[in-house]
Amino acid sequence: MSELVVRLSNGKEVPINKTTLEAINRYIRFEISLESLARELGLESWEEAYELVKKIPAWIAWTPPSLLNYMKRRITENK
């Protein structure tokens, strides 16, 4: 199965997996800080976390982590 990845402007690639999606969901739903999100994802600063949040499509960000593999399969099968 293909991996979903968000590429940041500094060249860093952030894979969209269950752990990443859980952290992004916490940021969206419970209003944790960008600093906390950056720490959870191993990013260097809140700026990288902000760029990730801006670049990730909203429908992926709001997808429950339990449905991620199903959605990845649907995306890759349609290519």
Protein backbone atom coordinates (compact mmCIF):
# COMPACT_ATOMS: atom_id res chain seq x y z
CA MET A 1 0.00 0.00 0.00
CA SER A 2 1.26 3.44 -0.87
CA GLU A 3 2.18 5.80 1.93
CA LEU A 4 0.50 9.19 2.24
CA VAL A 5 3.12 11.87 2.87
CA VAL A 6 3.01 15.63 3.36
CA ARG A 7 6.18 17.38 2.19
CA LEU A 8 7.09 20.55 4.09
CA SER A 9 8.87 23.52 2.50
CA ASN A 10 12.17 22.58 4.17
CA GLY A 11 12.10 19.17 2.44
CA LYS A 12 11.01 17.17 5.48
CA GLU A 13 8.39 14.54 4.72
CA VAL A 14 5.75 13.73 7.32
CA PRO A 15 4.03 10.37 6.76
CA ILE A 16 0.31 10.37 7.42
CA ASN A 17 -0.16 7.30 9.56
CA LYS A 18 -2.36 6.43 12.53
CA THR A 19 -0.06 8.14 15.06
CA THR A 20 0.19 11.34 13.02
CA LEU A 21 -3.54 11.43 12.42
CA GLU A 22 -4.28 10.91 16.13
CA ALA A 23 -2.06 13.90 17.00
CA ILE A 24 -3.67 16.08 14.32
CA ASN A 25 -7.13 15.06 15.52
CA ARG A 26 -6.16 16.07 19.08
CA TYR A 27 -4.98 19.45 17.74
CA ILE A 28 -8.22 20.02 15.82
CA ARG A 29 -10.71 18.71 18.35
CA PHE A 30 -9.14 19.63 21.69
CA GLU A 31 -7.20 22.76 20.75
CA ILE A 32 -3.75 21.70 21.89
CA SER A 33 -1.01 24.18 21.03
CA LEU A 34 1.11 23.99 17.89
CA GLU A 35 4.14 23.56 20.15
CA SER A 36 2.56 20.43 21.65
CA LEU A 37 1.68 19.12 18.20
CA ALA A 38 5.25 19.70 17.00
CA ARG A 39 6.61 17.84 20.05
CA GLU A 40 4.25 14.88 19.49
CA LEU A 41 5.22 14.58 15.83
CA GLY A 42 8.95 15.16 16.31
CA LEU A 43 8.94 18.39 14.33
CA GLU A 44 11.49 21.13 14.97
CA SER A 45 9.12 24.02 15.70
CA TRP A 46 5.53 25.20 15.81
CA GLU A 47 6.08 26.67 12.33
CA GLU A 48 6.55 23.18 10.88
CA ALA A 49 3.43 21.99 12.71
CA TYR A 50 1.49 24.95 11.32
CA GLU A 51 2.68 24.22 7.79
CA LEU A 52 1.65 20.56 8.18
CA VAL A 53 -1.83 21.55 9.38
CA LYS A 54 -2.18 23.94 6.43
CA LYS A 55 -1.06 21.38 3.86
CA ILE A 56 -3.01 18.35 5.02
CA PRO A 57 -6.41 18.11 3.30
CA ALA A 58 -9.30 18.76 5.70
CA TRP A 59 -11.04 15.49 4.85
CA ILE A 60 -7.93 13.58 5.94
CA ALA A 61 -7.47 15.68 9.08
CA TRP A 62 -11.05 14.93 10.18
CA THR A 63 -10.87 11.22 9.29
CA PRO A 64 -11.01 9.04 12.41
CA PRO A 65 -7.68 7.20 12.78
CA SER A 66 -9.52 3.87 12.73
CA LEU A 67 -10.64 4.56 9.12
CA LEU A 68 -7.22 5.65 7.83
CA ASN A 69 -6.18 2.34 6.27
CA TYR A 70 -9.54 2.02 4.50
CA MET A 71 -9.23 5.54 3.08
CA LYS A 72 -5.62 4.90 1.96
CA ARG A 73 -6.73 1.77 0.14
CA ARG A 74 -9.52 3.67 -1.64
CA ILE A 75 -7.11 6.44 -2.69
CA THR A 76 -4.43 4.09 -4.02
CA GLU A 77 -6.91 1.82 -5.84
CA ASN A 78 -8.28 4.77 -7.81
CA LYS A 79 -4.88 5.69 -9.24
